[in-house]
Amino acid sequence: MLAVCTFILALVSLPEAHAAAAKRKVTVVKKKPQTTVAKRKTVRSAPVAIRNKKAIVKVSAPPRPSYGQIAGLHNTQDDLDLKSSVALVIDQDTNEVLFSKNDQAVLPIASLTKLMTGLLVSEAKLPMDEMITITQADVDTEKGSRSRLRVGTTLSRGELMHLALMSSENRAAHALGRTYPGGLEVFVNAMNAKAQTLGMRDTRYVEPTGLSSRNQSSAHDLATLVGVAYNDPMLRDYSTSPDHEVMVGKQTLQYNNTNRLVKNPSWDIGLQKTGYISEAGQCLVMQAKIAGRKLIMVFLDSAGKLSRLGDAERVRRWVEANPAPALPATPLPVPVVARQVNG
């Protein structure tokens, strides 16, 4: 009888034992897949990230070399270690060349073109308060650059001039050329005629914005243009304005100068213009007063976005460390004393 009871008790407790064992097995099984999945996720996520990075690298094409790089101009060494492949510094009053580097090279000039655009519009004495509407013709099809001046935006000619010279607004510059008396073709011809009149023999324009790499010039020609443009008060004012707001419908658009040096109190800049397209590299022209001298500076095909400004700073430090020699004092004339001759 005791054996039978023991056997029945074992049968009753057997499912509980199996259940406990089953739970232990389930716990073990659950832990293993979790650990395995976590490892797999870690292992798999790395290659995905790498593949994504590789895909980005493949999609991002290397920057197109500038004309100066193709010509080997960046290999030219200079005493100031400038990053621009072309540089020229001239005393505006004496026309003395203080510094030059590859100054005979003819290269694309990007938005430096807008100085000539502004000069022609100013000299034509067109009404600055005349309202001009941005059209589809002003949209960049050369480089696909963006603009906050949408098609249909209407601004005065004066505001378009301001934005073109200060903030290098391409649609504004194109609209200025398009609305010139006779149209865009007449305007471009006038740009080239003005260049020839000024003796800019290395210069050619095909459009008023600088987006085309066929707009080309040399450092000496650009120094000439800066000197002439400096005599125009409107070009001086607009090009050195730190910022400007325009009302477009009910919206206020804030524009800033593309040259941060105009906000630097240690600089006395009378006129400036920046420019960039891949074929031209980073470009900058300025008229500035340094160490009591009025200088014209030209920097073309600089390697980095800020390097053209760095080159300007290097030139300024160099000029300040090497001031112009003082002119020799002019001796006073020896007074002639009239003496009476006794005869």
C-alpha atoms as a PDB file:
ATOM      1  CA  MET A   1       0.000   0.000   0.000  1.00  0.00           C
ATOM      2  CA  LEU A   2       2.826   2.384   0.830  1.00  0.00           C
ATOM      3  CA  ALA A   3       4.493   1.675  -2.520  1.00  0.00           C
ATOM      4  CA  VAL A   4       1.277   2.449  -4.383  1.00  0.00           C
ATOM      5  CA  CYS A   5       0.924   5.778  -2.609  1.00  0.00           C
ATOM      6  CA  THR A   6       4.516   6.626  -3.369  1.00  0.00           C
ATOM      7  CA  PHE A   7       4.022   5.819  -7.036  1.00  0.00           C
ATOM      8  CA  ILE A   8       0.858   7.967  -7.265  1.00  0.00           C
ATOM      9  CA  LEU A   9       2.672  10.862  -5.537  1.00  0.00           C
ATOM     10  CA  ALA A  10       5.489  10.635  -8.065  1.00  0.00           C
ATOM     11  CA  LEU A  11       3.018  10.754 -10.952  1.00  0.00           C
ATOM     12  CA  VAL A  12       1.382  13.878  -9.524  1.00  0.00           C
ATOM     13  CA  SER A  13       4.684  15.699  -8.990  1.00  0.00           C
ATOM     14  CA  LEU A  14       6.103  14.660 -12.403  1.00  0.00           C
ATOM     15  CA  PRO A  15       4.293  17.365 -14.450  1.00  0.00           C
ATOM     16  CA  GLU A  16       5.508  20.018 -12.043  1.00  0.00           C
ATOM     17  CA  ALA A  17       9.077  18.811 -12.486  1.00  0.00           C
ATOM     18  CA  HIS A  18       8.677  18.799 -16.239  1.00  0.00           C
ATOM     19  CA  ALA A  19       7.169  22.289 -16.092  1.00  0.00           C
ATOM     20  CA  ALA A  20      10.061  23.592 -14.010  1.00  0.00           C
ATOM     21  CA  ALA A  21      12.534  22.012 -16.365  1.00  0.00           C
ATOM     22  CA  ALA A  22      10.634  23.448 -19.291  1.00  0.00           C
ATOM     23  CA  LYS A  23      10.785  26.897 -17.748  1.00  0.00           C
ATOM     24  CA  ARG A  24      14.523  26.565 -17.233  1.00  0.00           C
ATOM     25  CA  LYS A  25      14.952  25.491 -20.839  1.00  0.00           C
ATOM     26  CA  VAL A  26      12.805  28.358 -22.086  1.00  0.00           C
ATOM     27  CA  THR A  27      14.829  30.818 -20.048  1.00  0.00           C
ATOM     28  CA  VAL A  28      18.038  29.497 -21.536  1.00  0.00           C
ATOM     29  CA  VAL A  29      16.601  29.536 -25.015  1.00  0.00           C
ATOM     30  CA  LYS A  30      15.362  33.101 -24.615  1.00  0.00           C
ATOM     31  CA  LYS A  31      18.716  34.370 -23.442  1.00  0.00           C
ATOM     32  CA  LYS A  32      20.686  32.817 -26.244  1.00  0.00           C
ATOM     33  CA  PRO A  33      18.648  34.240 -29.121  1.00  0.00           C
ATOM     34  CA  GLN A  34      18.705  37.709 -27.513  1.00  0.00           C
ATOM     35  CA  THR A  35      22.455  37.631 -27.224  1.00  0.00           C
ATOM     36  CA  THR A  36      22.812  36.264 -30.723  1.00  0.00           C
ATOM     37  CA  VAL A  37      20.453  38.853 -32.232  1.00  0.00           C
ATOM     38  CA  ALA A  38      22.257  41.680 -30.478  1.00  0.00           C
ATOM     39  CA  LYS A  39      25.555  40.476 -31.835  1.00  0.00           C
ATOM     40  CA  ARG A  40      24.146  40.122 -35.290  1.00  0.00           C
ATOM     41  CA  LYS A  41      22.722  43.628 -35.188  1.00  0.00           C
ATOM     42  CA  THR A  42      26.049  45.030 -34.097  1.00  0.00           C
ATOM     43  CA  VAL A  43      27.917  43.125 -36.747  1.00  0.00           C
ATOM     44  CA  ARG A  44      25.460  43.996 -39.500  1.00  0.00           C
ATOM     45  CA  SER A  45      25.044  47.678 -38.665  1.00  0.00           C
ATOM     46  CA  ALA A  46      28.713  48.479 -39.205  1.00  0.00           C
ATOM     47  CA  PRO A  47      28.863  47.344 -42.823  1.00  0.00           C
ATOM     48  CA  VAL A  48      25.641  49.245 -43.557  1.00  0.00           C
ATOM     49  CA  ALA A  49      27.148  52.447 -42.207  1.00  0.00           C
ATOM     50  CA  ILE A  50      30.291  51.826 -44.197  1.00  0.00           C
ATOM     51  CA  ARG A  51      28.284  51.110 -47.312  1.00  0.00           C
ATOM     52  CA  ASN A  52      26.342  54.320 -46.788  1.00  0.00           C
ATOM     53  CA  LYS A  53      29.566  56.287 -46.406  1.00  0.00           C
ATOM     54  CA  LYS A  54      30.961  54.714 -49.515  1.00  0.00           C
ATOM     55  CA  ALA A  55      27.789  55.560 -51.371  1.00  0.00           C
ATOM     56  CA  ILE A  56      28.080  59.183 -50.300  1.00  0.00           C
ATOM     57  CA  VAL A  57      31.681  59.290 -51.418  1.00  0.00           C
ATOM     58  CA  LYS A  58      30.740  57.850 -54.771  1.00  0.00           C
ATOM     59  CA  VAL A  59      27.878  60.320 -55.223  1.00  0.00           C
ATOM     60  CA  SER A  60      29.979  63.345 -54.188  1.00  0.00           C
ATOM     61  CA  ALA A  61      32.184  64.046 -57.166  1.00  0.00           C
ATOM     62  CA  PRO A  62      35.581  65.617 -56.460  1.00  0.00           C
ATOM     63  CA  PRO A  63      35.648  69.412 -56.915  1.00  0.00           C
ATOM     64  CA  ARG A  64      36.386  70.498 -60.428  1.00  0.00           C
ATOM     65  CA  PRO A  65      39.909  71.936 -60.666  1.00  0.00           C
ATOM     66  CA  SER A  66      40.175  75.629 -61.402  1.00  0.00           C
ATOM     67  CA  TYR A  67      41.831  76.944 -64.545  1.00  0.00           C
ATOM     68  CA  GLY A  68      44.730  78.093 -62.387  1.00  0.00           C
ATOM     69  CA  GLN A  69      45.216  74.623 -60.946  1.00  0.00           C
ATOM     70  CA  ILE A  70      45.138  73.078 -64.403  1.00  0.00           C
ATOM     71  CA  ALA A  71      47.757  75.573 -65.556  1.00  0.00           C
ATOM     72  CA  GLY A  72      49.977  74.768 -62.562  1.00  0.00           C
ATOM     73  CA  LEU A  73      49.802  78.297 -61.132  1.00  0.00           C
ATOM     74  CA  HIS A  74      49.330  76.983 -57.599  1.00  0.00           C
ATOM     75  CA  ASN A  75      52.875  75.637 -57.709  1.00  0.00           C
ATOM     76  CA  THR A  76      54.262  79.177 -57.771  1.00  0.00           C
ATOM     77  CA  GLN A  77      55.925  80.104 -54.480  1.00  0.00           C
ATOM     78  CA  ASP A  78      55.993  83.646 -53.105  1.00  0.00           C
ATOM     79  CA  ASP A  79      57.530  85.450 -50.146  1.00  0.00           C
ATOM     80  CA  LEU A  80      54.156  86.003 -48.421  1.00  0.00           C
ATOM     81  CA  ASP A  81      53.026  82.394 -48.811  1.00  0.00           C
ATOM     82  CA  LEU A  82      49.734  83.463 -50.382  1.00  0.00           C
ATOM     83  CA  LYS A  83      47.102  80.843 -51.138  1.00  0.00           C
ATOM     84  CA  SER A  84      45.924  82.701 -54.231  1.00  0.00           C
ATOM     85  CA  SER A  85      47.635  81.630 -57.420  1.00  0.00           C
ATOM     86  CA  VAL A  86      47.414  85.192 -58.780  1.00  0.00           C
ATOM     87  CA  ALA A  87      47.971  88.360 -56.758  1.00  0.00           C
ATOM     88  CA  LEU A  88      48.686  92.009 -57.407  1.00  0.00           C
ATOM     89  CA  VAL A  89      49.085  94.939 -55.008  1.00  0.00           C
ATOM     90  CA  ILE A  90      49.360  98.460 -56.423  1.00  0.00           C
ATOM     91  CA  ASP A  91      49.736 101.861 -54.830  1.00  0.00           C
ATOM     92  CA  GLN A  92      46.668 103.681 -56.121  1.00  0.00           C
ATOM     93  CA  ASP A  93      48.280 107.126 -56.079  1.00  0.00           C
ATOM     94  CA  THR A  94      51.614 106.257 -57.698  1.00  0.00           C
ATOM     95  CA  ASN A  95      50.693 103.094 -59.667  1.00  0.00           C
ATOM     96  CA  GLU A  96      53.743 101.451 -58.097  1.00  0.00           C
ATOM     97  CA  VAL A  97      53.510  97.660 -58.047  1.00  0.00           C
ATOM     98  CA  LEU A  98      54.263  96.573 -54.485  1.00  0.00           C
ATOM     99  CA  PHE A  99      53.661  92.860 -54.965  1.00  0.00           C
ATOM    100  CA  SER A 100      52.852  90.595 -57.886  1.00  0.00           C
ATOM    101  CA  LYS A 101      52.378  86.889 -58.503  1.00  0.00           C
ATOM    102  CA  ASN A 102      51.399  85.406 -61.863  1.00  0.00           C
ATOM    103  CA  ASP A 103      49.909  88.815 -62.649  1.00  0.00           C
ATOM    104  CA  GLN A 104      49.879  88.183 -66.422  1.00  0.00           C
ATOM    105  CA  ALA A 105      47.613  85.126 -66.192  1.00  0.00           C
ATOM    106  CA  VAL A 106      44.172  85.429 -67.788  1.00  0.00           C
ATOM    107  CA  LEU A 107      41.584  83.500 -65.765  1.00  0.00           C
ATOM    108  CA  PRO A 108      37.820  83.327 -65.161  1.00  0.00           C
ATOM    109  CA  ILE A 109      36.792  86.104 -62.779  1.00  0.00           C
ATOM    110  CA  ALA A 110      33.390  84.899 -61.512  1.00  0.00           C
ATOM    111  CA  SER A 111      31.360  87.616 -59.765  1.00  0.00           C
ATOM    112  CA  LEU A 112      34.122  90.210 -60.052  1.00  0.00           C
ATOM    113  CA  THR A 113      32.228  90.711 -63.322  1.00  0.00           C
ATOM    114  CA  LYS A 114      29.538  92.544 -61.353  1.00  0.00           C
ATOM    115  CA  LEU A 115      31.843  95.538 -60.869  1.00  0.00           C
ATOM    116  CA  MET A 116      31.671  96.220 -64.595  1.00  0.00           C
ATOM    117  CA  THR A 117      27.929  95.567 -64.545  1.00  0.00           C
ATOM    118  CA  GLY A 118      27.462  98.124 -61.805  1.00  0.00           C
ATOM    119  CA  LEU A 119      29.772 100.636 -63.476  1.00  0.00           C
ATOM    120  CA  LEU A 120      27.845 100.566 -66.750  1.00  0.00           C
ATOM    121  CA  VAL A 121      24.438 100.861 -65.081  1.00  0.00           C
ATOM    122  CA  SER A 122      25.680 103.764 -62.981  1.00  0.00           C
ATOM    123  CA  GLU A 123      27.271 105.595 -65.912  1.00  0.00           C
ATOM    124  CA  ALA A 124      24.093 105.162 -67.992  1.00  0.00           C
ATOM    125  CA  LYS A 125      22.291 107.389 -65.439  1.00  0.00           C
ATOM    126  CA  LEU A 126      19.293 105.061 -65.458  1.00  0.00           C
ATOM    127  CA  PRO A 127      16.609 105.873 -62.855  1.00  0.00           C
ATOM    128  CA  MET A 128      17.486 104.001 -59.674  1.00  0.00           C
ATOM    129  CA  ASP A 129      13.875 104.137 -58.473  1.00  0.00           C
ATOM    130  CA  GLU A 130      12.505 102.363 -61.545  1.00  0.00           C
ATOM    131  CA  MET A 131      10.867  99.074 -60.562  1.00  0.00           C
ATOM    132  CA  ILE A 132      12.213  95.920 -62.226  1.00  0.00           C
ATOM    133  CA  THR A 133      10.601  92.475 -62.052  1.00  0.00           C
ATOM    134  CA  ILE A 134      12.668  89.279 -61.914  1.00  0.00           C
ATOM    135  CA  THR A 135      11.692  87.007 -64.804  1.00  0.00           C
ATOM    136  CA  GLN A 136      12.462  83.442 -65.846  1.00  0.00           C
ATOM    137  CA  ALA A 137      15.192  84.857 -68.085  1.00  0.00           C
ATOM    138  CA  ASP A 138      17.119  85.857 -64.945  1.00  0.00           C
ATOM    139  CA  VAL A 139      17.210  82.311 -63.562  1.00  0.00           C
ATOM    140  CA  ASP A 140      20.685  80.756 -63.681  1.00  0.00           C
ATOM    141  CA  THR A 141      20.879  77.949 -66.227  1.00  0.00           C
ATOM    142  CA  GLU A 142      24.706  78.019 -66.288  1.00  0.00           C
ATOM    143  CA  LYS A 143      25.458  76.736 -62.785  1.00  0.00           C
ATOM    144  CA  GLY A 144      22.011  76.164 -61.314  1.00  0.00           C
ATOM    145  CA  SER A 145      22.717  78.566 -58.456  1.00  0.00           C
ATOM    146  CA  ARG A 146      19.969  79.470 -56.027  1.00  0.00           C
ATOM    147  CA  SER A 147      18.427  82.847 -55.353  1.00  0.00           C
ATOM    148  CA  ARG A 148      15.941  84.217 -52.857  1.00  0.00           C
ATOM    149  CA  LEU A 149      14.640  86.592 -55.512  1.00  0.00           C
ATOM    150  CA  ARG A 150      11.855  84.473 -56.932  1.00  0.00           C
ATOM    151  CA  VAL A 151      10.474  84.957 -60.399  1.00  0.00           C
ATOM    152  CA  GLY A 152       7.897  87.725 -60.109  1.00  0.00           C
ATOM    153  CA  THR A 153       9.793  89.642 -57.398  1.00  0.00           C
ATOM    154  CA  THR A 154       9.798  93.380 -58.070  1.00  0.00           C
ATOM    155  CA  LEU A 155      12.503  95.668 -56.691  1.00  0.00           C
ATOM    156  CA  SER A 156      13.915  99.037 -57.671  1.00  0.00           C
ATOM    157  CA  ARG A 157      16.981  99.224 -59.878  1.00  0.00           C
ATOM    158  CA  GLY A 158      18.854 100.737 -56.942  1.00  0.00           C
ATOM    159  CA  GLU A 159      18.042  97.784 -54.689  1.00  0.00           C
ATOM    160  CA  LEU A 160      19.094  95.324 -57.395  1.00  0.00           C
ATOM    161  CA  MET A 161      22.395  97.200 -57.716  1.00  0.00           C
ATOM    162  CA  HIS A 162      22.857  97.057 -53.956  1.00  0.00           C
ATOM    163  CA  LEU A 163      22.261  93.299 -53.784  1.00  0.00           C
ATOM    164  CA  ALA A 164      24.412  92.571 -56.827  1.00  0.00           C
ATOM    165  CA  LEU A 165      27.450  94.458 -55.516  1.00  0.00           C
ATOM    166  CA  MET A 166      27.130  93.696 -51.795  1.00  0.00           C
ATOM    167  CA  SER A 167      25.718  90.174 -51.709  1.00  0.00           C
ATOM    168  CA  SER A 168      26.629  89.076 -55.254  1.00  0.00           C
ATOM    169  CA  GLU A 169      22.980  88.373 -56.154  1.00  0.00           C
ATOM    170  CA  ASN A 170      23.061  86.762 -59.594  1.00  0.00           C
ATOM    171  CA  ARG A 171      19.446  87.326 -60.596  1.00  0.00           C
ATOM    172  CA  ALA A 172      19.756  90.953 -59.574  1.00  0.00           C
ATOM    173  CA  ALA A 173      22.843  91.415 -61.765  1.00  0.00           C
ATOM    174  CA  HIS A 174      21.226  89.649 -64.716  1.00  0.00           C
ATOM    175  CA  ALA A 175      18.092  91.776 -64.415  1.00  0.00           C
ATOM    176  CA  LEU A 176      20.263  94.915 -64.490  1.00  0.00           C
ATOM    177  CA  GLY A 177      21.790  93.814 -67.778  1.00  0.00           C
ATOM    178  CA  ARG A 178      18.504  92.609 -69.238  1.00  0.00           C
ATOM    179  CA  THR A 179      16.757  95.942 -68.600  1.00  0.00           C
ATOM    180  CA  TYR A 180      19.613  98.036 -70.000  1.00  0.00           C
ATOM    181  CA  PRO A 181      18.489 100.138 -72.992  1.00  0.00           C
ATOM    182  CA  GLY A 182      18.656  97.808 -75.996  1.00  0.00           C
ATOM    183  CA  GLY A 183      18.600  94.625 -73.930  1.00  0.00           C
ATOM    184  CA  LEU A 184      21.131  92.079 -72.734  1.00  0.00           C
ATOM    185  CA  GLU A 185      23.135  91.726 -75.957  1.00  0.00           C
ATOM    186  CA  VAL A 186      23.640  95.478 -76.160  1.00  0.00           C
ATOM    187  CA  PHE A 187      24.677  95.508 -72.508  1.00  0.00           C
ATOM    188  CA  VAL A 188      27.312  92.779 -72.944  1.00  0.00           C
ATOM    189  CA  ASN A 189      28.711  94.605 -75.980  1.00  0.00           C
ATOM    190  CA  ALA A 190      28.888  97.753 -73.879  1.00  0.00           C
ATOM    191  CA  MET A 191      30.790  95.846 -71.180  1.00  0.00           C
ATOM    192  CA  ASN A 192      33.433  94.775 -73.669  1.00  0.00           C
ATOM    193  CA  ALA A 193      33.590  98.219 -75.257  1.00  0.00           C
ATOM    194  CA  LYS A 194      34.137  99.813 -71.848  1.00  0.00           C
ATOM    195  CA  ALA A 195      36.900  97.338 -71.074  1.00  0.00           C
ATOM    196  CA  GLN A 196      38.673  98.236 -74.298  1.00  0.00           C
ATOM    197  CA  THR A 197      38.265 101.949 -73.578  1.00  0.00           C
ATOM    198  CA  LEU A 198      39.906 101.467 -70.192  1.00  0.00           C
ATOM    199  CA  GLY A 199      42.798  99.566 -71.772  1.00  0.00           C
ATOM    200  CA  MET A 200      41.694  96.197 -70.314  1.00  0.00           C
ATOM    201  CA  ARG A 201      43.066  94.187 -73.235  1.00  0.00           C
ATOM    202  CA  ASP A 202      43.003  90.824 -71.454  1.00  0.00           C
ATOM    203  CA  THR A 203      39.318  91.109 -70.555  1.00  0.00           C
ATOM    204  CA  ARG A 204      36.247  89.551 -72.147  1.00  0.00           C
ATOM    205  CA  TYR A 205      32.636  89.404 -70.971  1.00  0.00           C
ATOM    206  CA  VAL A 206      29.812  87.198 -72.236  1.00  0.00           C
ATOM    207  CA  GLU A 207      27.193  87.927 -69.552  1.00  0.00           C
ATOM    208  CA  PRO A 208      26.698  90.281 -66.574  1.00  0.00           C
ATOM    209  CA  THR A 209      26.835  87.926 -63.559  1.00  0.00           C
ATOM    210  CA  GLY A 210      30.149  86.062 -63.766  1.00  0.00           C
ATOM    211  CA  LEU A 211      28.537  82.629 -63.718  1.00  0.00           C
ATOM    212  CA  SER A 212      30.132  81.866 -67.079  1.00  0.00           C
ATOM    213  CA  SER A 213      33.785  80.807 -67.044  1.00  0.00           C
ATOM    214  CA  ARG A 214      34.162  82.683 -70.346  1.00  0.00           C
ATOM    215  CA  ASN A 215      34.159  85.958 -68.412  1.00  0.00           C
ATOM    216  CA  GLN A 216      37.919  86.326 -68.064  1.00  0.00           C
ATOM    217  CA  SER A 217      40.502  88.935 -67.163  1.00  0.00           C
ATOM    218  CA  SER A 218      43.959  89.516 -65.723  1.00  0.00           C
ATOM    219  CA  ALA A 219      45.073  91.010 -62.416  1.00  0.00           C
ATOM    220  CA  HIS A 220      46.277  94.235 -64.055  1.00  0.00           C
ATOM    221  CA  ASP A 221      42.999  94.709 -65.917  1.00  0.00           C
ATOM    222  CA  LEU A 222      41.025  94.160 -62.731  1.00  0.00           C
ATOM    223  CA  ALA A 223      43.203  96.645 -60.845  1.00  0.00           C
ATOM    224  CA  THR A 224      42.328  99.171 -63.549  1.00  0.00           C
ATOM    225  CA  LEU A 225      38.624  98.418 -63.149  1.00  0.00           C
ATOM    226  CA  VAL A 226      38.820  98.791 -59.359  1.00  0.00           C
ATOM    227  CA  GLY A 227      40.519 102.169 -59.749  1.00  0.00           C
ATOM    228  CA  VAL A 228      37.771 103.429 -62.070  1.00  0.00           C
ATOM    229  CA  ALA A 229      34.920 101.955 -60.021  1.00  0.00           C
ATOM    230  CA  TYR A 230      36.330 103.543 -56.862  1.00  0.00           C
ATOM    231  CA  ASN A 231      35.586 106.973 -58.354  1.00  0.00           C
ATOM    232  CA  ASP A 232      31.855 106.131 -58.374  1.00  0.00           C
ATOM    233  CA  PRO A 233      30.279 106.957 -54.963  1.00  0.00           C
ATOM    234  CA  MET A 234      27.372 104.550 -55.485  1.00  0.00           C
ATOM    235  CA  LEU A 235      29.673 101.609 -56.213  1.00  0.00           C
ATOM    236  CA  ARG A 236      31.774 102.440 -53.162  1.00  0.00           C
ATOM    237  CA  ASP A 237      28.723 102.677 -50.942  1.00  0.00           C
ATOM    238  CA  TYR A 238      26.902  99.573 -52.173  1.00  0.00           C
ATOM    239  CA  SER A 239      29.930  97.284 -52.356  1.00  0.00           C
ATOM    240  CA  THR A 240      31.093  98.052 -48.805  1.00  0.00           C
ATOM    241  CA  SER A 241      27.658  97.998 -47.168  1.00  0.00           C
ATOM    242  CA  PRO A 242      27.768  95.368 -44.363  1.00  0.00           C
ATOM    243  CA  ASP A 243      24.148  94.315 -44.850  1.00  0.00           C
ATOM    244  CA  HIS A 244      20.862  95.373 -46.378  1.00  0.00           C
ATOM    245  CA  GLU A 245      17.168  94.536 -46.042  1.00  0.00           C
ATOM    246  CA  VAL A 246      14.645  94.483 -48.867  1.00  0.00           C
ATOM    247  CA  MET A 247      10.882  94.108 -48.717  1.00  0.00           C
ATOM    248  CA  VAL A 248       9.516  91.416 -51.021  1.00  0.00           C
ATOM    249  CA  GLY A 249       5.763  91.537 -50.696  1.00  0.00           C
ATOM    250  CA  LYS A 250       5.077  91.204 -46.969  1.00  0.00           C
ATOM    251  CA  GLN A 251       8.399  89.479 -46.347  1.00  0.00           C
ATOM    252  CA  THR A 252      11.657  91.151 -45.303  1.00  0.00           C
ATOM    253  CA  LEU A 253      14.791  89.589 -46.726  1.00  0.00           C
ATOM    254  CA  GLN A 254      18.098  90.139 -44.928  1.00  0.00           C
ATOM    255  CA  TYR A 255      21.249  90.156 -47.074  1.00  0.00           C
ATOM    256  CA  ASN A 256      24.851  90.315 -45.852  1.00  0.00           C
ATOM    257  CA  ASN A 257      28.088  91.293 -47.506  1.00  0.00           C
ATOM    258  CA  THR A 258      30.025  88.381 -48.993  1.00  0.00           C
ATOM    259  CA  ASN A 259      33.247  89.958 -47.672  1.00  0.00           C
ATOM    260  CA  ARG A 260      33.407  89.781 -43.876  1.00  0.00           C
ATOM    261  CA  LEU A 261      36.343  92.217 -43.796  1.00  0.00           C
ATOM    262  CA  VAL A 262      33.937  95.144 -44.326  1.00  0.00           C
ATOM    263  CA  LYS A 263      32.706  94.546 -40.749  1.00  0.00           C
ATOM    264  CA  ASN A 264      36.226  94.453 -39.346  1.00  0.00           C
ATOM    265  CA  PRO A 265      37.030  97.815 -37.708  1.00  0.00           C
ATOM    266  CA  SER A 266      40.731  97.348 -38.383  1.00  0.00           C
ATOM    267  CA  TRP A 267      40.098  97.571 -42.125  1.00  0.00           C
ATOM    268  CA  ASP A 268      39.440 100.782 -44.070  1.00  0.00           C
ATOM    269  CA  ILE A 269      37.901  99.452 -47.287  1.00  0.00           C
ATOM    270  CA  GLY A 270      36.757 101.859 -49.974  1.00  0.00           C
ATOM    271  CA  LEU A 271      35.490  99.321 -52.528  1.00  0.00           C
ATOM    272  CA  GLN A 272      35.423  95.549 -52.777  1.00  0.00           C
ATOM    273  CA  LYS A 273      33.981  92.591 -54.661  1.00  0.00           C
ATOM    274  CA  THR A 274      34.211  88.851 -54.155  1.00  0.00           C
ATOM    275  CA  GLY A 275      33.650  86.057 -56.634  1.00  0.00           C
ATOM    276  CA  TYR A 276      33.544  82.298 -56.928  1.00  0.00           C
ATOM    277  CA  ILE A 277      32.852  79.590 -59.454  1.00  0.00           C
ATOM    278  CA  SER A 278      34.772  76.322 -59.555  1.00  0.00           C
ATOM    279  CA  GLU A 279      36.673  77.344 -62.697  1.00  0.00           C
ATOM    280  CA  ALA A 280      37.813  80.623 -61.117  1.00  0.00           C
ATOM    281  CA  GLY A 281      38.414  79.578 -57.522  1.00  0.00           C
ATOM    282  CA  GLN A 282      37.910  82.115 -54.750  1.00  0.00           C
ATOM    283  CA  CYS A 283      38.499  85.685 -55.953  1.00  0.00           C
ATOM    284  CA  LEU A 284      38.680  89.097 -54.292  1.00  0.00           C
ATOM    285  CA  VAL A 285      39.429  92.668 -55.343  1.00  0.00           C
ATOM    286  CA  MET A 286      39.647  95.586 -52.916  1.00  0.00           C
ATOM    287  CA  GLN A 287      40.597  99.184 -52.544  1.00  0.00           C
ATOM    288  CA  ALA A 288      41.797  99.765 -48.992  1.00  0.00           C
ATOM    289  CA  LYS A 289      43.851 102.220 -47.009  1.00  0.00           C
ATOM    290  CA  ILE A 290      46.754 100.564 -45.192  1.00  0.00           C
ATOM    291  CA  ALA A 291      49.531 102.318 -43.277  1.00  0.00           C
ATOM    292  CA  GLY A 292      48.488 105.637 -44.793  1.00  0.00           C
ATOM    293  CA  ARG A 293      48.590 104.298 -48.381  1.00  0.00           C
ATOM    294  CA  LYS A 294      45.642 103.754 -50.704  1.00  0.00           C
ATOM    295  CA  LEU A 295      46.147 100.310 -52.189  1.00  0.00           C
ATOM    296  CA  ILE A 296      44.400  98.221 -54.826  1.00  0.00           C
ATOM    297  CA  MET A 297      44.595  94.487 -54.183  1.00  0.00           C
ATOM    298  CA  VAL A 298      43.666  91.649 -56.533  1.00  0.00           C
ATOM    299  CA  PHE A 299      43.545  87.988 -55.494  1.00  0.00           C
ATOM    300  CA  LEU A 300      42.487  85.344 -58.015  1.00  0.00           C
ATOM    301  CA  ASP A 301      42.082  81.570 -57.837  1.00  0.00           C
ATOM    302  CA  SER A 302      42.521  81.164 -54.101  1.00  0.00           C
ATOM    303  CA  ALA A 303      42.391  77.599 -52.812  1.00  0.00           C
ATOM    304  CA  GLY A 304      39.910  77.878 -49.925  1.00  0.00           C
ATOM    305  CA  LYS A 305      36.795  79.850 -49.023  1.00  0.00           C
ATOM    306  CA  LEU A 306      38.557  81.972 -46.406  1.00  0.00           C
ATOM    307  CA  SER A 307      42.034  81.930 -47.909  1.00  0.00           C
ATOM    308  CA  ARG A 308      41.411  85.016 -50.079  1.00  0.00           C
ATOM    309  CA  LEU A 309      40.644  86.967 -46.898  1.00  0.00           C
ATOM    310  CA  GLY A 310      43.694  85.427 -45.260  1.00  0.00           C
ATOM    311  CA  ASP A 311      45.800  86.607 -48.200  1.00  0.00           C
ATOM    312  CA  ALA A 312      44.459  90.131 -47.757  1.00  0.00           C
ATOM    313  CA  GLU A 313      45.437  89.996 -44.083  1.00  0.00           C
ATOM    314  CA  ARG A 314      48.930  88.758 -44.997  1.00  0.00           C
ATOM    315  CA  VAL A 315      49.383  91.632 -47.424  1.00  0.00           C
ATOM    316  CA  ARG A 316      48.168  94.137 -44.855  1.00  0.00           C
ATOM    317  CA  ARG A 317      50.620  92.912 -42.212  1.00  0.00           C
ATOM    318  CA  TRP A 318      53.409  92.991 -44.779  1.00  0.00           C
ATOM    319  CA  VAL A 319      52.630  96.569 -45.832  1.00  0.00           C
ATOM    320  CA  GLU A 320      52.357  97.697 -42.221  1.00  0.00           C
ATOM    321  CA  ALA A 321      55.728  96.098 -41.452  1.00  0.00           C
ATOM    322  CA  ASN A 322      57.285  97.742 -44.508  1.00  0.00           C
ATOM    323  CA  PRO A 323      55.967 101.302 -44.661  1.00  0.00           C
ATOM    324  CA  ALA A 324      56.662 103.459 -47.656  1.00  0.00           C
ATOM    325  CA  PRO A 325      59.996 105.262 -47.377  1.00  0.00           C
ATOM    326  CA  ALA A 326      59.642 108.901 -46.504  1.00  0.00           C
ATOM    327  CA  LEU A 327      60.286 111.246 -49.368  1.00  0.00           C
ATOM    328  CA  PRO A 328      63.479 113.224 -48.967  1.00  0.00           C
ATOM    329  CA  ALA A 329      62.887 116.699 -47.674  1.00  0.00           C
ATOM    330  CA  THR A 330      63.101 119.334 -50.373  1.00  0.00           C
ATOM    331  CA  PRO A 331      65.865 121.804 -49.422  1.00  0.00           C
ATOM    332  CA  LEU A 332      64.724 125.342 -49.005  1.00  0.00           C
ATOM    333  CA  PRO A 333      65.950 127.701 -51.715  1.00  0.00           C
ATOM    334  CA  VAL A 334      68.927 129.827 -50.706  1.00  0.00           C
ATOM    335  CA  PRO A 335      67.781 133.423 -50.600  1.00  0.00           C
ATOM    336  CA  VAL A 336      69.548 135.666 -53.053  1.00  0.00           C
ATOM    337  CA  VAL A 337      70.646 138.924 -51.492  1.00  0.00           C
ATOM    338  CA  ALA A 338      70.860 141.733 -53.968  1.00  0.00           C
ATOM    339  CA  ARG A 339      73.982 143.716 -53.466  1.00  0.00           C
ATOM    340  CA  GLN A 340      74.566 147.100 -54.836  1.00  0.00           C
ATOM    341  CA  VAL A 341      77.623 147.265 -57.016  1.00  0.00           C
ATOM    342  CA  ASN A 342      79.546 150.450 -56.718  1.00  0.00           C
ATOM    343  CA  GLY A 343      80.664 151.635 -60.113  1.00  0.00           C
END
